[in-house]
Amino acid sequence: MEKSNKKAVKRFPLAQLCRIAIMAALLCVASPWSIPVGPIPISLATFVVYLIGIVLGWLDGTIAVAVYLLLGAIGLPVFSGGAGGFQKLIGATGGYLIGYLPCVALTGWMADRFPYKRLWTVVGMVFGTIVLYAIGTAWFMVQSRRELLESLSLCVVPFLAGDAAKIAVCALIGIPLRKSTDKLIGKTA
């Protein structure tokens, strides 16, 4: 039993745990600030999810986003508009919240696979966004009983330009941030 505890400690040294906690906290702080534009608000959440994937990679990034979702599920006001609670996860927009997990995982996987390569980082964010939109829109359709085209026009089309801008900015700042934080924990590409 003691041997497995040592492995867990080695896998998550203090600096690495701090990075995960800081990024989860950043997501908790950024997400409530939103602008309602229909059923899905504009927020900084996807920007931070992309950044988490680039900086932390797929595993640590997924853990950070899962921490955020768990904090919101237990009622902390960390979701858009300062909402919280499990009902938000199972509500009409809950699919987009759950979609943050594969989005960060895909972004992080590409950032891990091709460290410090901007083009591949962008590809990871684009594929992550496609999966995020697919999960969120499918769940929205089930919950709201709306058709695909109507759901896309409400939940995807208004966000394409903003998400493209978020991806561009994250591609510029995410890689230098990853390099800096990788140095802190002694990780090299």
Protein backbone atom coordinates (compact mmCIF):
# COMPACT_ATOMS: atom_id res chain seq x y z
CA MET A 1 0.00 0.00 0.00
CA GLU A 2 2.84 2.35 0.87
CA LYS A 3 4.44 1.78 -2.54
CA SER A 4 1.32 2.92 -4.43
CA ASN A 5 1.17 6.10 -2.31
CA LYS A 6 4.74 6.92 -3.30
CA LYS A 7 3.83 6.54 -6.97
CA ALA A 8 0.90 8.91 -6.56
CA VAL A 9 3.13 11.48 -4.88
CA LYS A 10 5.69 11.16 -7.65
CA ARG A 11 2.97 11.58 -10.30
CA PHE A 12 1.66 14.78 -8.75
CA PRO A 13 4.47 16.76 -7.13
CA LEU A 14 3.53 19.97 -5.35
CA ALA A 15 4.34 22.28 -8.28
CA GLN A 16 2.20 20.19 -10.61
CA LEU A 17 -0.71 20.15 -8.15
CA CYS A 18 -0.40 23.91 -7.78
CA ARG A 19 -0.60 24.37 -11.57
CA ILE A 20 -3.76 22.27 -11.69
CA ALA A 21 -5.31 24.18 -8.78
CA ILE A 22 -4.40 27.59 -10.22
CA MET A 23 -5.87 26.75 -13.61
CA ALA A 24 -9.05 25.32 -12.04
CA ALA A 25 -9.33 28.52 -9.97
CA LEU A 26 -8.81 30.65 -13.09
CA LEU A 27 -11.68 28.82 -14.78
CA CYS A 28 -13.85 29.32 -11.68
CA VAL A 29 -13.13 33.07 -11.71
CA ALA A 30 -13.51 33.62 -15.47
CA SER A 31 -16.62 31.55 -16.14
CA PRO A 32 -19.24 33.50 -14.17
CA TRP A 33 -18.50 36.66 -16.16
CA SER A 34 -20.82 36.29 -19.11
CA ILE A 35 -23.00 38.15 -21.56
CA PRO A 36 -26.41 36.57 -22.20
CA VAL A 37 -27.07 36.28 -25.96
CA GLY A 38 -29.78 33.65 -26.00
CA PRO A 39 -29.80 30.25 -24.37
CA ILE A 40 -25.98 30.06 -24.31
CA PRO A 41 -24.10 33.05 -22.86
CA ILE A 42 -20.79 34.40 -24.11
CA SER A 43 -18.15 33.82 -21.46
CA LEU A 44 -14.42 33.46 -21.07
CA ALA A 45 -14.81 29.81 -20.10
CA THR A 46 -13.79 28.35 -23.47
CA PHE A 47 -10.79 30.70 -23.59
CA VAL A 48 -9.61 29.38 -20.23
CA VAL A 49 -10.38 25.77 -21.21
CA TYR A 50 -8.14 26.16 -24.28
CA LEU A 51 -5.44 27.76 -22.17
CA ILE A 52 -5.64 24.97 -19.59
CA GLY A 53 -5.21 22.35 -22.31
CA ILE A 54 -2.18 24.07 -23.77
CA VAL A 55 -0.48 24.82 -20.46
CA LEU A 56 -1.25 21.63 -18.53
CA GLY A 57 -1.65 19.03 -21.24
CA TRP A 58 -4.40 16.48 -21.56
CA LEU A 59 -4.31 14.70 -18.20
CA ASP A 60 -3.64 17.58 -15.82
CA GLY A 61 -5.91 19.82 -17.91
CA THR A 62 -8.75 17.32 -17.71
CA ILE A 63 -8.27 17.11 -13.94
CA ALA A 64 -8.41 20.92 -13.64
CA VAL A 65 -11.63 21.13 -15.66
CA ALA A 66 -13.13 18.20 -13.73
CA VAL A 67 -12.37 20.06 -10.47
CA TYR A 68 -14.18 23.11 -11.86
CA LEU A 69 -17.21 21.01 -12.85
CA LEU A 70 -17.31 19.30 -9.45
CA LEU A 71 -17.13 22.66 -7.65
CA GLY A 72 -20.01 23.92 -9.77
CA ALA A 73 -21.99 20.71 -9.31
CA ILE A 74 -21.85 21.00 -5.51
CA GLY A 75 -23.30 24.48 -5.75
CA LEU A 76 -20.44 26.96 -5.92
CA PRO A 77 -21.39 29.84 -8.25
CA VAL A 78 -18.71 29.13 -10.86
CA PHE A 79 -20.83 28.60 -13.97
CA SER A 80 -21.88 31.41 -16.31
CA GLY A 81 -23.89 34.13 -14.66
CA GLY A 82 -22.74 32.97 -11.23
CA ALA A 83 -24.86 29.82 -11.36
CA GLY A 84 -23.99 26.59 -9.64
CA GLY A 85 -25.55 23.28 -8.75
CA PHE A 86 -26.03 19.88 -10.31
CA GLN A 87 -29.21 21.07 -12.04
CA LYS A 88 -27.07 23.33 -14.23
CA LEU A 89 -25.10 20.28 -15.45
CA ILE A 90 -28.25 18.43 -16.43
CA GLY A 91 -30.05 21.50 -17.78
CA ALA A 92 -30.27 22.60 -21.42
CA THR A 93 -26.76 24.10 -21.43
CA GLY A 94 -25.16 21.34 -19.37
CA GLY A 95 -23.84 19.56 -22.44
CA TYR A 96 -21.56 22.50 -23.14
CA LEU A 97 -20.20 22.34 -19.60
CA ILE A 98 -19.57 18.60 -19.91
CA GLY A 99 -18.11 19.25 -23.37
CA TYR A 100 -15.27 21.18 -21.73
CA LEU A 101 -13.76 17.82 -20.72
CA PRO A 102 -13.15 16.44 -24.24
CA CYS A 103 -12.28 19.96 -25.44
CA VAL A 104 -9.49 20.33 -22.88
CA ALA A 105 -8.39 16.72 -23.41
CA LEU A 106 -8.06 17.12 -27.20
CA THR A 107 -6.37 20.50 -26.88
CA GLY A 108 -4.01 19.14 -24.26
CA TRP A 109 -3.32 15.93 -26.15
CA MET A 110 -2.15 17.90 -29.19
CA ALA A 111 -0.12 20.23 -26.97
CA ASP A 112 1.51 17.18 -25.35
CA ARG A 113 2.06 15.35 -28.61
CA PHE A 114 3.53 18.38 -30.39
CA PRO A 115 4.91 20.57 -27.62
CA TYR A 116 5.37 24.22 -28.45
CA LYS A 117 4.07 23.77 -32.03
CA ARG A 118 1.52 26.50 -32.69
CA LEU A 119 -0.14 24.89 -35.73
CA TRP A 120 -0.81 21.61 -33.92
CA THR A 121 -2.00 23.48 -30.86
CA VAL A 122 -4.56 25.30 -33.02
CA VAL A 123 -5.62 21.99 -34.59
CA GLY A 124 -6.20 20.57 -31.10
CA MET A 125 -8.30 23.56 -30.07
CA VAL A 126 -10.37 23.38 -33.28
CA PHE A 127 -11.08 19.66 -32.87
CA GLY A 128 -11.81 20.20 -29.18
CA THR A 129 -14.28 22.93 -30.08
CA ILE A 130 -16.00 20.72 -32.65
CA VAL A 131 -16.50 18.00 -30.04
CA LEU A 132 -17.63 20.60 -27.48
CA TYR A 133 -20.20 21.97 -29.93
CA ALA A 134 -21.38 18.46 -30.87
CA ILE A 135 -21.93 17.33 -27.27
CA GLY A 136 -23.44 20.63 -26.18
CA THR A 137 -25.75 20.95 -29.16
CA ALA A 138 -26.92 17.34 -28.96
CA TRP A 139 -27.73 17.76 -25.27
CA PHE A 140 -29.43 21.11 -25.94
CA MET A 141 -31.61 19.46 -28.60
CA VAL A 142 -32.64 16.68 -26.22
CA GLN A 143 -33.42 19.08 -23.37
CA SER A 144 -35.14 21.82 -25.40
CA ARG A 145 -36.75 19.57 -28.02
CA ARG A 146 -35.49 21.83 -30.83
CA GLU A 147 -34.37 20.76 -34.28
CA LEU A 148 -30.73 20.66 -35.37
CA LEU A 149 -30.70 23.79 -37.55
CA GLU A 150 -32.47 25.88 -34.93
CA SER A 151 -30.12 24.60 -32.23
CA LEU A 152 -27.05 25.33 -34.35
CA SER A 153 -28.31 28.84 -35.09
CA LEU A 154 -28.86 29.48 -31.38
CA CYS A 155 -25.92 27.67 -29.84
CA VAL A 156 -23.09 27.48 -32.36
CA VAL A 157 -23.26 30.11 -35.11
CA PRO A 158 -23.21 33.14 -32.74
CA PHE A 159 -20.02 31.79 -31.11
CA LEU A 160 -17.90 30.86 -34.13
CA ALA A 161 -16.16 34.23 -34.54
CA GLY A 162 -15.59 34.64 -30.80
CA ASP A 163 -14.21 31.13 -30.41
CA ALA A 164 -11.93 31.68 -33.43
CA ALA A 165 -10.58 34.82 -31.73
CA LYS A 166 -10.11 32.93 -28.45
CA ILE A 167 -8.22 30.19 -30.29
CA ALA A 168 -5.96 32.76 -31.97
CA VAL A 169 -5.12 34.50 -28.70
CA CYS A 170 -4.55 31.20 -26.86
CA ALA A 171 -2.24 30.03 -29.65
CA LEU A 172 -0.16 33.16 -29.08
CA ILE A 173 -0.02 33.19 -25.29
CA GLY A 174 -0.51 29.52 -24.39
CA ILE A 175 2.79 28.18 -25.71
CA PRO A 176 4.98 30.75 -23.88
CA LEU A 177 2.96 30.07 -20.71
CA ARG A 178 3.48 26.34 -21.09
CA LYS A 179 7.22 26.81 -21.60
CA SER A 180 7.42 28.93 -18.46
CA THR A 181 5.40 26.60 -16.29
CA ASP A 182 7.16 23.52 -17.67
CA LYS A 183 10.43 25.06 -16.45
CA LEU A 184 8.93 25.48 -12.99
CA ILE A 185 8.24 21.79 -12.65
CA GLY A 186 11.40 20.69 -14.45
CA LYS A 187 9.56 19.32 -17.46
CA THR A 188 11.14 19.59 -20.89
CA ALA A 189 9.80 18.80 -24.35
